[in-house]
Amino acid sequence: MLNPVRASLPIFAKATLALMVAAVSLTGLVGCSSRSDTDTAQDKKEQPLMSQERFQVGTDLDIAMLKPLSDAYKQETGISIEWVLVDRQVFTIHFDEEPPLHFDVQLPKGVDMLMMHSAYSLADANASHVLQPVGSEKLTTRVPAQYKDPQGHWFGVAKYARTLVYNRNKVNEPELINYAGLAAKKWYGRLCMTDIYSPENQAIAKMMMSYRGTKLTPEILANWQTNMGRPSASNEDILKNIEQGRCDVGIVDSDVFWHHAKTHPDTPIRLMWANQINRGTLTNTISIGMIDDGEEVGQALRFMEWLVSDRGQALLAFYTSAFPVVDIKDDSINMQALRPEWTEFEPDLTALPDIIANHSKIEPLNMEPEPVLEDKAGAAASTKDNSEAEAVVQNDLTQASKQAALQRTQAAQSEAAGGTTPPIVMQNVE
């Protein structure tokens, strides 16, 4: 039985200033340099010769967030990275659809590789015949099998979880256990989620299908829809809606939450790792792939392999608020900066390629429409068909209560946070 682990803001709130200041440092995650002035001068002489080399990376991530990463890469290699925004919707074929006889994908001209927030976007790119397989021994050996395409079309290079968030002023932690729990009547009008049919939420549904079954899972999805009403547009919108009181709980990606918490240290939002009493929390990855007609393939491959080095993993995880996929061995890297205690959780072990290979679409149970009541207490009665889902929620809560002695409370975490030292040694870089 897995221990429910709760994440409380004070653990990282104390370190927020250090984390933000460290964002201007390109070597803050590693030990101080011992190179001589002669070496530095020599590097400056050589730099102009190397600075002409550049390539383009298409991404749907925040480019301002990625710039320190490319600055660090240029400092090490002299090679410049041009980040180019790519909308995930540009891939006309989705991995869970039957492909047509022709493809019409318009990527920005000159893009050599992709770095997208979700592995599902890379799966869409692959289904749209945009990617070429990469035969790199370093990528193949360093990236775990559960986070890469078996044919080498894409590789996950930083992971994050899809999990629960809540307003600590309106929700008690013991009320939340897992994804299915948000199907309970008590969350009517209080739940914020993106669309049920998004790849990320369908992945949760497919995971639940494997152990909740074909009858209960559609019922849970239907109750999610009832409880949330109109879907939120994005993870960021969910966090904003919770802060503004439009809802009290939600499902978001952990990297988006952590980034928000760093920049909004007074937020009332807290994170809880879902499914810690049974399967574990579902994970996804920031993923990379090589464009099939890229011009700077060699430069792109060099960067891809650097991303799975210990230093590349540390910098990528730090600047994106995600977690390394590689077991970092370099002792000079301060792992506490990358994985504070509150970020430790038990992940679900379902491999991303297996989720992607499952082309089924989980539909919510088609319940008969009923009159919508404005009063939340009265409206909850309209979800009369969710008795089985409600029973599952109560059973899970009972199991969780048996482990109450093992749970870490917010108060205990606040005390631990009081002794937290800044996780990164800051060092200015000329």
Protein backbone atom coordinates (compact mmCIF):
# COMPACT_ATOMS: atom_id res chain seq x y z
CA MET A 1 0.00 0.00 0.00
CA LEU A 2 1.43 3.37 -0.96
CA ASN A 3 1.62 6.21 1.50
CA PRO A 4 -0.52 9.27 0.70
CA VAL A 5 1.92 12.17 0.33
CA ARG A 6 0.62 15.72 0.44
CA ALA A 7 2.53 18.65 -1.03
CA SER A 8 2.35 21.86 0.94
CA LEU A 9 3.45 25.25 -0.32
CA PRO A 10 5.66 26.23 2.64
CA ILE A 11 8.21 23.62 1.61
CA PHE A 12 9.03 25.51 -1.55
CA ALA A 13 7.78 28.97 -0.56
CA LYS A 14 10.86 29.42 1.62
CA ALA A 15 13.04 28.67 -1.38
CA THR A 16 11.12 30.78 -3.91
CA LEU A 17 13.46 33.78 -3.72
CA ALA A 18 16.50 31.57 -4.12
CA LEU A 19 14.96 29.76 -7.07
CA MET A 20 14.02 32.98 -8.88
CA VAL A 21 17.41 34.60 -8.28
CA ALA A 22 19.10 31.43 -9.46
CA ALA A 23 17.28 31.66 -12.77
CA VAL A 24 19.80 34.29 -13.85
CA SER A 25 22.67 31.91 -13.13
CA LEU A 26 23.70 29.37 -15.72
CA THR A 27 25.84 27.33 -13.36
CA GLY A 28 23.82 27.60 -10.17
CA LEU A 29 23.03 23.87 -10.09
CA VAL A 30 26.65 22.80 -10.13
CA GLY A 31 29.77 23.54 -8.13
CA CYS A 32 31.88 26.65 -8.60
CA SER A 33 34.31 26.71 -11.49
CA SER A 34 38.00 26.30 -10.81
CA ARG A 35 39.13 27.35 -14.27
CA SER A 36 41.97 29.83 -14.48
CA ASP A 37 41.82 33.35 -15.93
CA THR A 38 43.99 32.10 -18.79
CA ASP A 39 41.38 29.48 -19.68
CA THR A 40 38.62 32.09 -19.54
CA ALA A 41 40.51 34.47 -21.77
CA GLN A 42 41.18 31.67 -24.25
CA ASP A 43 37.46 30.83 -24.32
CA LYS A 44 36.60 34.44 -25.12
CA LYS A 45 39.03 34.35 -28.05
CA GLU A 46 37.46 31.19 -29.41
CA GLN A 47 33.86 32.24 -28.82
CA PRO A 48 33.37 34.37 -31.97
CA LEU A 49 34.38 31.43 -34.15
CA MET A 50 31.75 29.19 -32.58
CA SER A 51 28.91 31.70 -32.20
CA GLN A 52 27.98 31.48 -35.87
CA GLU A 53 26.56 27.99 -35.36
CA ARG A 54 22.84 27.88 -34.68
CA PHE A 55 19.72 25.80 -35.17
CA GLN A 56 15.99 26.08 -34.49
CA VAL A 57 13.79 24.29 -31.97
CA GLY A 58 10.02 24.40 -32.29
CA THR A 59 8.19 24.43 -28.96
CA ASP A 60 4.88 25.14 -27.26
CA LEU A 61 6.65 25.92 -23.98
CA ASP A 62 7.19 29.44 -22.65
CA ILE A 63 10.23 30.72 -24.57
CA ALA A 64 11.17 33.13 -21.78
CA MET A 65 11.37 30.12 -19.47
CA LEU A 66 13.59 28.24 -21.94
CA LYS A 67 16.01 31.09 -22.67
CA PRO A 68 18.25 30.42 -19.62
CA LEU A 69 18.52 26.82 -20.81
CA SER A 70 19.71 27.84 -24.28
CA ASP A 71 22.03 30.42 -22.73
CA ALA A 72 23.64 27.66 -20.69
CA TYR A 73 23.97 25.48 -23.77
CA LYS A 74 25.59 28.29 -25.75
CA GLN A 75 28.00 28.97 -22.90
CA GLU A 76 29.14 25.34 -23.01
CA THR A 77 29.18 24.79 -26.77
CA GLY A 78 29.11 28.17 -28.48
CA ILE A 79 26.01 27.04 -30.42
CA SER A 80 22.93 29.27 -30.43
CA ILE A 81 19.38 27.96 -30.20
CA GLU A 82 16.53 29.85 -31.82
CA TRP A 83 13.23 28.99 -30.14
CA VAL A 84 10.21 29.04 -32.45
CA LEU A 85 6.64 28.83 -31.16
CA VAL A 86 4.67 25.84 -32.47
CA ASP A 87 0.99 25.33 -31.62
CA ARG A 88 0.27 21.72 -30.69
CA GLN A 89 -2.86 21.94 -32.82
CA VAL A 90 -0.72 22.23 -35.97
CA PHE A 91 -0.44 18.44 -36.11
CA THR A 92 -3.46 17.57 -38.22
CA ILE A 93 -3.53 13.91 -37.25
CA HIS A 94 -3.97 12.85 -33.63
CA PHE A 95 -2.38 9.63 -32.41
CA ASP A 96 -5.79 8.18 -31.50
CA GLU A 97 -7.30 8.76 -34.96
CA GLU A 98 -7.14 6.83 -38.22
CA PRO A 99 -4.70 8.67 -40.54
CA PRO A 100 -5.92 9.89 -43.94
CA LEU A 101 -4.20 9.34 -47.26
CA HIS A 102 -2.50 12.75 -47.18
CA PHE A 103 -1.07 15.09 -44.56
CA ASP A 104 -1.04 18.88 -44.34
CA VAL A 105 1.22 19.97 -41.50
CA GLN A 106 2.58 23.52 -41.75
CA LEU A 107 5.53 23.91 -39.38
CA PRO A 108 7.52 27.16 -39.25
CA LYS A 109 10.28 27.15 -41.87
CA GLY A 110 13.71 26.16 -40.63
CA VAL A 111 12.67 24.17 -37.54
CA ASP A 112 15.12 21.29 -36.98
CA MET A 113 13.60 19.59 -33.91
CA LEU A 114 10.64 19.80 -31.57
CA MET A 115 10.48 20.17 -27.80
CA MET A 116 6.84 19.98 -26.72
CA HIS A 117 5.24 20.05 -23.29
CA SER A 118 3.46 16.71 -23.77
CA ALA A 119 4.51 13.36 -25.19
CA TYR A 120 1.04 13.22 -26.75
CA SER A 121 1.98 16.18 -28.96
CA LEU A 122 5.05 14.29 -30.19
CA ALA A 123 2.81 11.27 -30.82
CA ASP A 124 0.56 13.55 -32.89
CA ALA A 125 3.61 14.81 -34.79
CA ASN A 126 4.70 11.24 -35.46
CA ALA A 127 1.20 10.27 -36.63
CA SER A 128 1.32 13.29 -38.93
CA HIS A 129 4.58 12.05 -40.50
CA VAL A 130 6.60 15.01 -39.25
CA LEU A 131 9.31 13.14 -37.32
CA GLN A 132 12.18 10.87 -38.27
CA PRO A 133 13.57 8.13 -36.01
CA VAL A 134 16.74 8.97 -34.10
CA GLY A 135 19.30 6.21 -33.71
CA SER A 136 21.23 7.64 -30.77
CA GLU A 137 22.78 5.20 -28.32
CA LYS A 138 22.94 7.89 -25.65
CA LEU A 139 19.25 8.75 -25.95
CA THR A 140 18.28 5.09 -26.12
CA THR A 141 20.26 4.07 -23.05
CA ARG A 142 19.67 7.14 -20.88
CA VAL A 143 15.90 7.61 -21.31
CA PRO A 144 13.77 4.96 -19.52
CA ALA A 145 11.62 2.77 -21.77
CA GLN A 146 8.39 4.10 -20.26
CA TYR A 147 9.24 7.61 -21.48
CA LYS A 148 10.27 7.02 -25.11
CA ASP A 149 8.94 5.78 -28.42
CA PRO A 150 10.18 2.22 -29.13
CA GLN A 151 11.03 3.26 -32.71
CA GLY A 152 12.98 6.33 -31.60
CA HIS A 153 10.63 8.99 -32.97
CA TRP A 154 10.37 10.84 -29.64
CA PHE A 155 12.03 10.85 -26.21
CA GLY A 156 10.77 12.19 -22.89
CA VAL A 157 13.44 14.39 -21.30
CA ALA A 158 11.67 15.84 -18.23
CA LYS A 159 8.68 14.42 -16.38
CA TYR A 160 5.79 15.86 -14.45
CA ALA A 161 2.59 14.51 -12.92
CA ARG A 162 -1.07 15.11 -13.71
CA THR A 163 -2.54 15.50 -10.27
CA LEU A 164 -4.89 17.32 -7.90
CA VAL A 165 -4.83 20.90 -6.67
CA TYR A 166 -7.15 22.62 -4.21
CA ASN A 167 -7.81 25.84 -2.31
CA ARG A 168 -6.54 25.20 1.20
CA ASN A 169 -8.99 27.75 2.62
CA LYS A 170 -11.99 25.81 1.31
CA VAL A 171 -10.89 22.18 1.16
CA ASN A 172 -9.43 19.89 3.82
CA GLU A 173 -6.68 17.59 2.56
CA PRO A 174 -8.34 14.35 3.76
CA GLU A 175 -11.26 15.10 1.42
CA LEU A 176 -9.01 14.36 -1.57
CA ILE A 177 -7.57 10.95 -2.36
CA ASN A 178 -7.59 10.24 -6.08
CA TYR A 179 -8.98 11.22 -9.48
CA ALA A 180 -12.20 9.26 -9.02
CA GLY A 181 -12.94 11.17 -5.83
CA LEU A 182 -13.74 14.28 -7.85
CA ALA A 183 -16.82 12.46 -9.17
CA ALA A 184 -18.49 12.79 -5.75
CA LYS A 185 -21.61 14.94 -5.37
CA LYS A 186 -19.85 17.29 -2.95
CA TRP A 187 -17.75 18.72 -5.81
CA TYR A 188 -20.72 19.88 -7.87
CA GLY A 189 -19.92 23.41 -9.07
CA ARG A 190 -16.54 23.26 -7.29
CA LEU A 191 -14.43 21.34 -9.86
CA CYS A 192 -12.27 22.86 -12.60
CA MET A 193 -10.83 20.69 -15.39
CA THR A 194 -9.86 20.93 -19.02
CA ASP A 195 -11.98 19.06 -21.56
CA ILE A 196 -12.72 15.40 -20.82
CA TYR A 197 -11.49 14.51 -24.32
CA SER A 198 -8.05 16.13 -23.98
CA PRO A 199 -5.23 13.57 -24.32
CA GLU A 200 -4.13 14.21 -20.74
CA ASN A 201 -7.57 13.53 -19.25
CA GLN A 202 -8.19 10.61 -21.59
CA ALA A 203 -4.94 9.12 -20.28
CA ILE A 204 -6.37 9.24 -16.76
CA ALA A 205 -9.56 7.61 -18.04
CA LYS A 206 -7.63 4.82 -19.75
CA MET A 207 -5.65 4.21 -16.57
CA MET A 208 -8.87 4.05 -14.53
CA MET A 209 -10.45 1.73 -17.07
CA SER A 210 -7.77 -0.86 -16.29
CA TYR A 211 -8.81 -1.15 -12.65
CA ARG A 212 -12.18 0.61 -12.28
CA GLY A 213 -13.71 -1.25 -15.21
CA THR A 214 -15.79 -0.43 -18.27
CA LYS A 215 -18.94 0.37 -16.28
CA LEU A 216 -17.63 2.61 -13.52
CA THR A 217 -15.06 4.65 -15.49
CA PRO A 218 -17.60 6.25 -17.90
CA GLU A 219 -19.74 7.06 -14.88
CA ILE A 220 -16.84 8.84 -13.22
CA LEU A 221 -16.21 10.87 -16.38
CA ALA A 222 -19.88 11.83 -16.59
CA ASN A 223 -19.82 13.02 -13.00
CA TRP A 224 -16.67 15.04 -13.69
CA GLN A 225 -18.55 16.79 -16.48
CA THR A 226 -21.52 17.43 -14.23
CA ASN A 227 -19.36 18.77 -11.42
CA MET A 228 -17.26 21.10 -13.54
CA GLY A 229 -19.80 22.43 -16.02
CA ARG A 230 -17.91 24.34 -18.71
CA PRO A 231 -14.31 23.06 -19.18
CA SER A 232 -11.38 25.36 -18.44
CA ALA A 233 -9.14 26.28 -21.36
CA SER A 234 -5.80 25.37 -19.77
CA ASN A 235 -3.91 24.41 -16.62
CA GLU A 236 -3.18 28.09 -16.02
CA ASP A 237 -6.88 28.95 -16.25
CA ILE A 238 -7.69 26.27 -13.66
CA LEU A 239 -5.22 27.79 -11.18
CA LYS A 240 -6.58 31.27 -11.88
CA ASN A 241 -10.17 30.11 -11.39
CA ILE A 242 -9.31 28.47 -8.06
CA GLU A 243 -7.60 31.62 -6.82
CA GLN A 244 -10.56 33.75 -7.88
CA GLY A 245 -13.05 31.46 -6.13
CA ARG A 246 -14.77 30.09 -9.24
CA CYS A 247 -13.92 26.55 -8.11
CA ASP A 248 -12.18 24.83 -5.21
CA VAL A 249 -10.42 21.78 -6.72
CA GLY A 250 -8.90 20.83 -10.05
CA ILE A 251 -6.62 18.53 -12.04
CA VAL A 252 -3.47 20.11 -13.51
CA ASP A 253 0.11 19.28 -14.47
CA SER A 254 2.52 19.55 -11.56
CA ASP A 255 5.11 21.62 -13.47
CA VAL A 256 2.51 24.29 -14.21
CA PHE A 257 1.52 24.39 -10.54
CA TRP A 258 5.14 24.59 -9.32
CA HIS A 259 5.96 27.41 -11.73
CA HIS A 260 2.82 29.25 -10.59
CA ALA A 261 3.75 28.76 -6.93
CA LYS A 262 7.25 30.15 -7.51
CA THR A 263 5.85 33.30 -9.06
CA HIS A 264 2.83 33.55 -6.72
CA PRO A 265 4.24 32.62 -3.28
CA ASP A 266 1.07 33.77 -1.49
CA THR A 267 -1.27 31.53 -3.48
CA PRO A 268 -3.84 29.58 -1.43
CA ILE A 269 -3.51 26.65 -3.85
CA ARG A 270 -1.93 23.42 -2.69
CA LEU A 271 -1.03 20.26 -4.59
CA MET A 272 -1.82 16.65 -3.67
CA TRP A 273 -0.32 13.60 -5.38
CA ALA A 274 -3.28 11.55 -6.58
CA ASN A 275 -3.75 7.78 -6.23
CA GLN A 276 -1.08 7.28 -3.59
CA ILE A 277 -3.15 4.53 -1.91
CA ASN A 278 -3.27 2.35 -5.01
CA ARG A 279 -1.90 2.86 -8.53
CA GLY A 280 0.23 5.99 -8.20
CA THR A 281 0.02 9.36 -9.95
CA LEU A 282 -0.05 9.48 -13.76
CA THR A 283 3.01 11.11 -15.36
CA ASN A 284 3.78 12.75 -18.70
CA THR A 285 6.96 14.18 -20.21
CA ILE A 286 8.38 17.20 -21.95
CA SER A 287 9.43 15.40 -25.12
CA ILE A 288 11.73 15.93 -28.07
CA GLY A 289 11.84 14.67 -31.64
CA MET A 290 13.78 15.28 -34.87
CA ILE A 291 11.97 16.91 -37.82
CA ASP A 292 12.19 14.71 -40.90
CA ASP A 293 13.36 17.52 -43.20
CA GLY A 294 15.47 19.55 -40.77
CA GLU A 295 18.62 21.16 -42.15
CA GLU A 296 20.76 21.18 -38.99
CA VAL A 297 20.27 17.55 -37.96
CA GLY A 298 23.75 17.25 -36.46
CA GLN A 299 23.32 20.31 -34.25
CA ALA A 300 19.87 19.17 -33.18
CA LEU A 301 21.14 15.70 -32.27
CA ARG A 302 23.97 17.17 -30.22
CA PHE A 303 21.48 19.23 -28.23
CA MET A 304 19.13 16.27 -27.79
CA GLU A 305 21.97 14.20 -26.33
CA TRP A 306 23.07 17.08 -24.11
CA LEU A 307 19.54 17.25 -22.67
CA VAL A 308 19.92 13.73 -21.22
CA SER A 309 23.36 14.41 -19.74
CA ASP A 310 23.41 15.03 -15.98
CA ARG A 311 23.94 18.76 -16.43
CA GLY A 312 21.37 19.05 -19.20
CA GLN A 313 18.81 17.17 -17.10
CA ALA A 314 19.44 19.40 -14.11
CA LEU A 315 19.10 22.64 -16.05
CA LEU A 316 16.06 21.51 -18.04
CA ALA A 317 14.24 20.31 -14.94
CA PHE A 318 15.12 23.43 -12.98
CA TYR A 319 13.99 25.96 -15.56
CA THR A 320 10.79 24.10 -16.53
CA SER A 321 9.77 23.14 -12.95
CA ALA A 322 9.67 19.50 -14.06
CA PHE A 323 11.68 16.50 -12.82
CA PRO A 324 14.63 14.65 -14.41
CA VAL A 325 13.90 11.37 -16.19
CA VAL A 326 17.51 10.28 -15.72
CA ASP A 327 19.07 9.15 -12.46
CA ILE A 328 21.60 11.96 -11.99
CA LYS A 329 24.96 10.75 -10.66
CA ASP A 330 26.95 14.01 -10.66
CA ASP A 331 27.58 14.83 -7.00
CA SER A 332 28.18 18.50 -7.78
CA ILE A 333 24.51 18.93 -8.76
CA ASN A 334 22.28 19.93 -5.86
CA MET A 335 19.37 17.52 -6.19
CA GLN A 336 17.44 19.26 -3.42
CA ALA A 337 16.96 22.16 -5.82
CA LEU A 338 15.40 19.80 -8.36
CA ARG A 339 13.45 17.44 -6.10
CA PRO A 340 12.52 19.07 -2.78
CA GLU A 341 10.97 16.68 -0.30
CA TRP A 342 7.41 17.71 -1.16
CA THR A 343 7.89 16.56 -4.76
CA GLU A 344 8.46 12.92 -3.87
CA PHE A 345 5.55 10.69 -4.90
CA GLU A 346 4.76 7.22 -6.22
CA PRO A 347 4.11 7.37 -9.99
CA ASP A 348 1.81 5.13 -11.96
CA LEU A 349 4.00 2.73 -13.95
CA THR A 350 1.91 2.69 -17.13
CA ALA A 351 4.32 3.41 -20.00
CA LEU A 352 3.54 6.41 -22.18
CA PRO A 353 3.92 4.33 -25.38
CA ASP A 354 1.23 1.97 -24.05
CA ILE A 355 -1.16 4.86 -23.40
CA ILE A 356 -0.45 6.22 -26.87
CA ALA A 357 -0.90 2.78 -28.46
CA ASN A 358 -4.40 2.59 -26.94
CA HIS A 359 -6.46 4.40 -29.58
CA SER A 360 -9.76 3.99 -27.76
CA LYS A 361 -11.67 7.07 -26.67
CA ILE A 362 -13.36 6.77 -23.28
CA GLU A 363 -16.82 8.33 -23.46
CA PRO A 364 -18.69 9.63 -20.40
CA LEU A 365 -21.83 7.71 -19.45
CA ASN A 366 -24.79 9.19 -21.27
CA MET A 367 -27.04 10.20 -18.40
CA GLU A 368 -30.57 11.48 -18.93
CA PRO A 369 -30.65 15.29 -18.66
CA GLU A 370 -32.34 16.71 -15.58
CA PRO A 371 -33.40 20.23 -14.55
CA VAL A 372 -30.45 22.36 -13.47
CA LEU A 373 -30.90 23.78 -9.98
CA GLU A 374 -29.15 27.03 -9.10
CA ASP A 375 -28.62 26.10 -5.47
CA LYS A 376 -25.53 23.89 -5.19
CA ALA A 377 -26.95 21.79 -2.37
CA GLY A 378 -30.14 21.12 -4.31
CA ALA A 379 -28.33 20.63 -7.61
CA ALA A 380 -26.26 17.85 -6.13
CA ALA A 381 -29.40 15.75 -6.05
CA SER A 382 -29.54 15.81 -9.84
CA THR A 383 -26.53 13.46 -9.98
CA LYS A 384 -28.61 10.57 -8.67
CA ASP A 385 -27.06 8.10 -11.14
CA ASN A 386 -23.62 8.24 -9.59
CA SER A 387 -24.29 5.93 -6.64
CA GLU A 388 -21.58 3.45 -7.65
CA ALA A 389 -19.00 6.20 -8.15
CA GLU A 390 -19.98 7.62 -4.77
CA ALA A 391 -19.47 4.21 -3.15
CA VAL A 392 -15.99 3.96 -4.68
CA VAL A 393 -15.10 7.38 -3.31
CA GLN A 394 -16.24 6.44 0.20
CA ASN A 395 -14.29 3.18 0.07
CA ASP A 396 -11.12 5.01 -0.97
CA LEU A 397 -11.57 7.54 1.81
CA THR A 398 -11.94 4.70 4.31
CA GLN A 399 -8.70 3.10 3.12
CA ALA A 400 -6.92 6.43 3.38
CA SER A 401 -8.16 7.04 6.92
CA LYS A 402 -6.51 3.79 8.02
CA GLN A 403 -3.17 5.31 7.07
CA ALA A 404 -3.75 8.63 8.84
CA ALA A 405 -0.77 8.04 11.12
CA LEU A 406 1.50 7.87 8.07
CA GLN A 407 0.23 11.03 6.43
CA ARG A 408 2.21 14.24 6.62
CA THR A 409 0.06 17.18 7.67
CA GLN A 410 0.47 20.76 6.56
CA ALA A 411 1.49 21.77 10.08
CA ALA A 412 4.32 19.23 10.18
CA GLN A 413 5.50 20.30 6.74
CA SER A 414 5.45 23.95 7.79
CA GLU A 415 7.76 23.13 10.70
CA ALA A 416 10.09 21.26 8.38
CA ALA A 417 10.07 24.20 5.98
CA GLY A 418 11.28 26.47 8.74
CA GLY A 419 14.72 24.85 8.57
CA THR A 420 14.98 24.78 4.79
CA THR A 421 18.22 26.29 3.49
CA PRO A 422 18.47 27.88 0.04
CA PRO A 423 18.84 24.95 -2.34
CA ILE A 424 21.15 26.63 -4.85
CA VAL A 425 24.53 28.29 -4.50
CA MET A 426 24.25 31.43 -6.58
CA GLN A 427 27.14 32.42 -8.78
CA ASN A 428 27.21 35.29 -11.24
CA VAL A 429 28.39 34.44 -14.73
CA GLU A 430 30.23 37.02 -16.80
